[in-house]
Amino acid sequence: MKLYTFFFALILSASTVNAQKMESFGAKIKADGAVDGATFLKQIDGKDSLAIKISAPIVDVCQKKGCWMNVDLGDGKQMMVRFKDY
């Protein structure tokens, strides 16, 4: 029984050490009214711009402040987001 407790404690501590620290900059943004990537792709079709809030997983980010990030829109498509006046 002690051996199982030891392994459980070891796994728990390892998972705590590997937890990612999330940082946030600027004003908080609420997810209210955000659409997923598939909905965005349907709404942008045939348009050159669209004022919309998107909720999508971040795939890659620039390591400099206020640079860019790539988000996954689903179906193998990604979108690069550039920041203005960060």
N, C-alpha and C. Protein backbone atom coordinates (compact mmCIF):
# COMPACT_ATOMS: atom_id res chain seq x y z
N MET A 1 0.82 -1.20 0.00
CA MET A 1 0.00 0.00 0.00
C MET A 1 0.86 1.25 0.00
N LYS A 2 1.96 1.23 0.77
CA LYS A 2 2.84 2.39 0.82
C LYS A 2 3.48 2.64 -0.53
N LEU A 3 3.76 1.59 -1.29
CA LEU A 3 4.36 1.72 -2.60
C LEU A 3 3.41 2.45 -3.55
N TYR A 4 2.12 2.10 -3.51
CA TYR A 4 1.13 2.79 -4.34
C TYR A 4 1.01 4.26 -3.96
N THR A 5 1.04 4.55 -2.69
CA THR A 5 0.97 5.93 -2.22
C THR A 5 2.18 6.72 -2.70
N PHE A 6 3.35 6.09 -2.66
CA PHE A 6 4.57 6.74 -3.12
C PHE A 6 4.47 7.09 -4.61
N PHE A 7 4.05 6.12 -5.44
CA PHE A 7 3.94 6.36 -6.88
C PHE A 7 2.88 7.41 -7.20
N PHE A 8 1.77 7.40 -6.46
CA PHE A 8 0.74 8.41 -6.66
C PHE A 8 1.29 9.81 -6.36
N ALA A 9 2.03 9.92 -5.25
CA ALA A 9 2.62 11.21 -4.87
C ALA A 9 3.65 11.65 -5.90
N LEU A 10 4.42 10.70 -6.42
CA LEU A 10 5.43 11.02 -7.44
C LEU A 10 4.78 11.52 -8.72
N ILE A 11 3.73 10.86 -9.17
CA ILE A 11 3.02 11.27 -10.39
C ILE A 11 2.36 12.63 -10.18
N LEU A 12 1.76 12.83 -9.02
CA LEU A 12 1.12 14.11 -8.73
C LEU A 12 2.13 15.24 -8.72
N SER A 13 3.28 15.04 -8.12
CA SER A 13 4.29 16.09 -8.08
C SER A 13 4.87 16.35 -9.46
N ALA A 14 5.04 15.32 -10.28
CA ALA A 14 5.56 15.49 -11.63
C ALA A 14 4.58 16.28 -12.49
N SER A 15 3.29 16.02 -12.32
CA SER A 15 2.31 16.74 -13.13
C SER A 15 2.22 18.20 -12.68
N THR A 16 2.46 18.47 -11.42
CA THR A 16 2.45 19.85 -10.92
C THR A 16 3.65 20.62 -11.46
N VAL A 17 4.80 19.98 -11.54
CA VAL A 17 6.01 20.63 -12.04
C VAL A 17 5.86 20.95 -13.52
N ASN A 18 5.19 20.10 -14.28
CA ASN A 18 5.07 20.30 -15.72
C ASN A 18 3.90 21.21 -16.11
N ALA A 19 3.13 21.68 -15.16
CA ALA A 19 2.00 22.56 -15.47
C ALA A 19 2.52 23.85 -16.09
N GLN A 20 1.84 24.33 -17.12
CA GLN A 20 2.27 25.54 -17.81
C GLN A 20 1.75 26.77 -17.08
N LYS A 21 2.58 27.78 -17.00
CA LYS A 21 2.18 29.05 -16.43
C LYS A 21 1.60 29.90 -17.56
N MET A 22 0.37 30.34 -17.39
CA MET A 22 -0.27 31.16 -18.41
C MET A 22 -0.14 32.62 -18.03
N GLU A 23 0.29 33.44 -18.98
CA GLU A 23 0.40 34.86 -18.75
C GLU A 23 -0.66 35.58 -19.56
N SER A 24 -1.10 36.70 -19.05
CA SER A 24 -2.11 37.50 -19.72
C SER A 24 -1.65 38.95 -19.73
N PHE A 25 -1.86 39.61 -20.84
CA PHE A 25 -1.47 41.00 -20.97
C PHE A 25 -2.67 41.81 -21.44
N GLY A 26 -2.75 43.06 -21.03
CA GLY A 26 -3.82 43.94 -21.49
C GLY A 26 -5.13 43.69 -20.78
N ALA A 27 -6.18 44.30 -21.32
CA ALA A 27 -7.51 44.17 -20.74
C ALA A 27 -8.03 42.75 -20.93
N LYS A 28 -8.78 42.26 -19.96
CA LYS A 28 -9.37 40.93 -20.05
C LYS A 28 -10.44 40.91 -21.13
N ILE A 29 -10.49 39.83 -21.87
CA ILE A 29 -11.48 39.67 -22.94
C ILE A 29 -12.41 38.53 -22.54
N LYS A 30 -13.69 38.79 -22.55
CA LYS A 30 -14.67 37.75 -22.23
C LYS A 30 -15.02 36.98 -23.49
N ALA A 31 -15.35 35.72 -23.34
CA ALA A 31 -15.67 34.86 -24.49
C ALA A 31 -17.11 35.06 -24.98
N ASP A 32 -17.86 35.94 -24.35
CA ASP A 32 -19.25 36.18 -24.75
C ASP A 32 -19.34 36.55 -26.23
N GLY A 33 -20.12 35.82 -26.98
CA GLY A 33 -20.34 36.12 -28.39
C GLY A 33 -19.25 35.62 -29.33
N ALA A 34 -18.25 34.93 -28.81
CA ALA A 34 -17.17 34.42 -29.66
C ALA A 34 -17.67 33.23 -30.47
N VAL A 35 -17.14 33.11 -31.69
CA VAL A 35 -17.51 31.99 -32.57
C VAL A 35 -16.30 31.09 -32.75
N ASP A 36 -16.52 29.85 -33.16
CA ASP A 36 -15.42 28.93 -33.40
C ASP A 36 -14.86 29.16 -34.81
N GLY A 37 -13.78 28.46 -35.12
CA GLY A 37 -13.10 28.64 -36.40
C GLY A 37 -13.97 28.32 -37.60
N ALA A 38 -14.76 27.26 -37.52
CA ALA A 38 -15.62 26.87 -38.64
C ALA A 38 -16.67 27.93 -38.93
N THR A 39 -17.26 28.48 -37.89
CA THR A 39 -18.26 29.54 -38.07
C THR A 39 -17.62 30.78 -38.67
N PHE A 40 -16.41 31.11 -38.21
CA PHE A 40 -15.70 32.26 -38.76
C PHE A 40 -15.45 32.08 -40.26
N LEU A 41 -14.99 30.88 -40.65
CA LEU A 41 -14.71 30.64 -42.07
C LEU A 41 -15.95 30.79 -42.93
N LYS A 42 -17.11 30.38 -42.42
CA LYS A 42 -18.36 30.54 -43.16
C LYS A 42 -18.73 32.00 -43.29
N GLN A 43 -18.55 32.78 -42.21
CA GLN A 43 -18.95 34.18 -42.21
C GLN A 43 -18.01 35.07 -43.02
N ILE A 44 -16.73 34.73 -43.10
CA ILE A 44 -15.76 35.56 -43.83
C ILE A 44 -15.76 35.26 -45.33
N ASP A 45 -16.36 34.14 -45.73
CA ASP A 45 -16.35 33.73 -47.13
C ASP A 45 -16.87 34.85 -48.04
N GLY A 46 -16.03 35.27 -48.98
CA GLY A 46 -16.40 36.31 -49.94
C GLY A 46 -16.18 37.73 -49.43
N LYS A 47 -15.68 37.91 -48.22
CA LYS A 47 -15.44 39.23 -47.65
C LYS A 47 -13.95 39.43 -47.44
N ASP A 48 -13.52 40.69 -47.41
CA ASP A 48 -12.11 40.96 -47.16
C ASP A 48 -11.84 41.33 -45.70
N SER A 49 -12.90 41.60 -44.93
CA SER A 49 -12.73 41.87 -43.51
C SER A 49 -14.04 41.58 -42.77
N LEU A 50 -13.92 41.42 -41.45
CA LEU A 50 -15.08 41.08 -40.65
C LEU A 50 -14.77 41.42 -39.20
N ALA A 51 -15.65 42.18 -38.55
CA ALA A 51 -15.49 42.48 -37.13
C ALA A 51 -16.14 41.35 -36.34
N ILE A 52 -15.32 40.53 -35.70
CA ILE A 52 -15.82 39.32 -35.04
C ILE A 52 -14.88 38.93 -33.92
N LYS A 53 -15.39 38.19 -32.95
CA LYS A 53 -14.59 37.64 -31.87
C LYS A 53 -14.52 36.13 -32.08
N ILE A 54 -13.29 35.59 -32.10
CA ILE A 54 -13.08 34.17 -32.38
C ILE A 54 -12.46 33.49 -31.16
N SER A 55 -12.91 32.29 -30.87
CA SER A 55 -12.31 31.46 -29.84
C SER A 55 -11.66 30.28 -30.56
N ALA A 56 -10.32 30.23 -30.54
CA ALA A 56 -9.59 29.18 -31.25
C ALA A 56 -8.30 28.86 -30.50
N PRO A 57 -7.85 27.61 -30.58
CA PRO A 57 -6.59 27.23 -29.92
C PRO A 57 -5.40 27.93 -30.56
N ILE A 58 -4.47 28.38 -29.73
CA ILE A 58 -3.25 29.02 -30.23
C ILE A 58 -2.26 27.92 -30.59
N VAL A 59 -1.71 27.99 -31.80
CA VAL A 59 -0.78 26.98 -32.30
C VAL A 59 0.66 27.41 -32.10
N ASP A 60 0.95 28.68 -32.38
CA ASP A 60 2.32 29.18 -32.35
C ASP A 60 2.28 30.67 -32.03
N VAL A 61 3.30 31.16 -31.33
CA VAL A 61 3.37 32.58 -31.00
C VAL A 61 4.76 33.11 -31.22
N CYS A 62 4.84 34.38 -31.50
CA CYS A 62 6.11 35.09 -31.55
C CYS A 62 6.56 35.30 -30.12
N GLN A 63 7.84 35.18 -29.85
CA GLN A 63 8.33 35.32 -28.49
C GLN A 63 8.57 36.77 -28.08
N LYS A 64 8.36 37.72 -28.99
CA LYS A 64 8.50 39.13 -28.66
C LYS A 64 7.14 39.70 -28.28
N LYS A 65 7.15 40.73 -27.49
CA LYS A 65 5.90 41.36 -27.06
C LYS A 65 5.18 41.98 -28.26
N GLY A 66 3.88 41.67 -28.39
CA GLY A 66 3.05 42.32 -29.40
C GLY A 66 3.37 41.97 -30.82
N CYS A 67 3.77 40.79 -31.09
CA CYS A 67 4.21 40.40 -32.42
C CYS A 67 3.08 39.73 -33.21
N TRP A 68 2.91 38.41 -33.08
CA TRP A 68 1.89 37.67 -33.81
C TRP A 68 1.61 36.34 -33.13
N MET A 69 0.54 35.69 -33.57
CA MET A 69 0.24 34.31 -33.16
C MET A 69 -0.53 33.63 -34.27
N ASN A 70 -0.42 32.31 -34.35
CA ASN A 70 -1.20 31.51 -35.28
C ASN A 70 -2.26 30.76 -34.47
N VAL A 71 -3.49 30.75 -34.97
CA VAL A 71 -4.57 30.02 -34.30
C VAL A 71 -5.12 28.97 -35.24
N ASP A 72 -5.62 27.89 -34.66
CA ASP A 72 -6.16 26.76 -35.41
C ASP A 72 -7.65 27.00 -35.64
N LEU A 73 -8.06 27.10 -36.91
CA LEU A 73 -9.46 27.31 -37.25
C LEU A 73 -10.18 25.99 -37.50
N GLY A 74 -9.47 24.90 -37.43
CA GLY A 74 -10.06 23.59 -37.69
C GLY A 74 -9.94 23.23 -39.16
N ASP A 75 -10.21 22.00 -39.49
CA ASP A 75 -10.17 21.52 -40.87
C ASP A 75 -8.82 21.77 -41.52
N GLY A 76 -7.74 21.75 -40.72
CA GLY A 76 -6.40 21.94 -41.25
C GLY A 76 -6.05 23.37 -41.62
N LYS A 77 -6.86 24.33 -41.22
CA LYS A 77 -6.61 25.73 -41.57
C LYS A 77 -6.16 26.51 -40.35
N GLN A 78 -5.21 27.42 -40.57
CA GLN A 78 -4.71 28.29 -39.53
C GLN A 78 -4.83 29.74 -39.97
N MET A 79 -4.85 30.64 -38.98
CA MET A 79 -4.91 32.07 -39.26
C MET A 79 -3.82 32.76 -38.45
N MET A 80 -3.07 33.67 -39.09
CA MET A 80 -2.08 34.46 -38.39
C MET A 80 -2.76 35.72 -37.87
N VAL A 81 -2.55 36.00 -36.59
CA VAL A 81 -3.11 37.19 -35.96
C VAL A 81 -1.95 38.12 -35.65
N ARG A 82 -2.02 39.33 -36.19
CA ARG A 82 -0.99 40.35 -35.90
C ARG A 82 -1.61 41.38 -34.99
N PHE A 83 -0.81 41.95 -34.10
CA PHE A 83 -1.31 42.90 -33.12
C PHE A 83 -0.95 44.33 -33.51
N LYS A 84 -1.92 45.19 -33.40
CA LYS A 84 -1.73 46.60 -33.71
C LYS A 84 -1.86 47.40 -32.41
N ASP A 85 -0.96 48.31 -32.19
CA ASP A 85 -1.00 49.18 -31.02
C ASP A 85 -1.10 48.40 -29.72
N TYR A 86 -0.27 47.39 -29.59
CA TYR A 86 -0.31 46.56 -28.40
C TYR A 86 0.10 47.35 -27.20
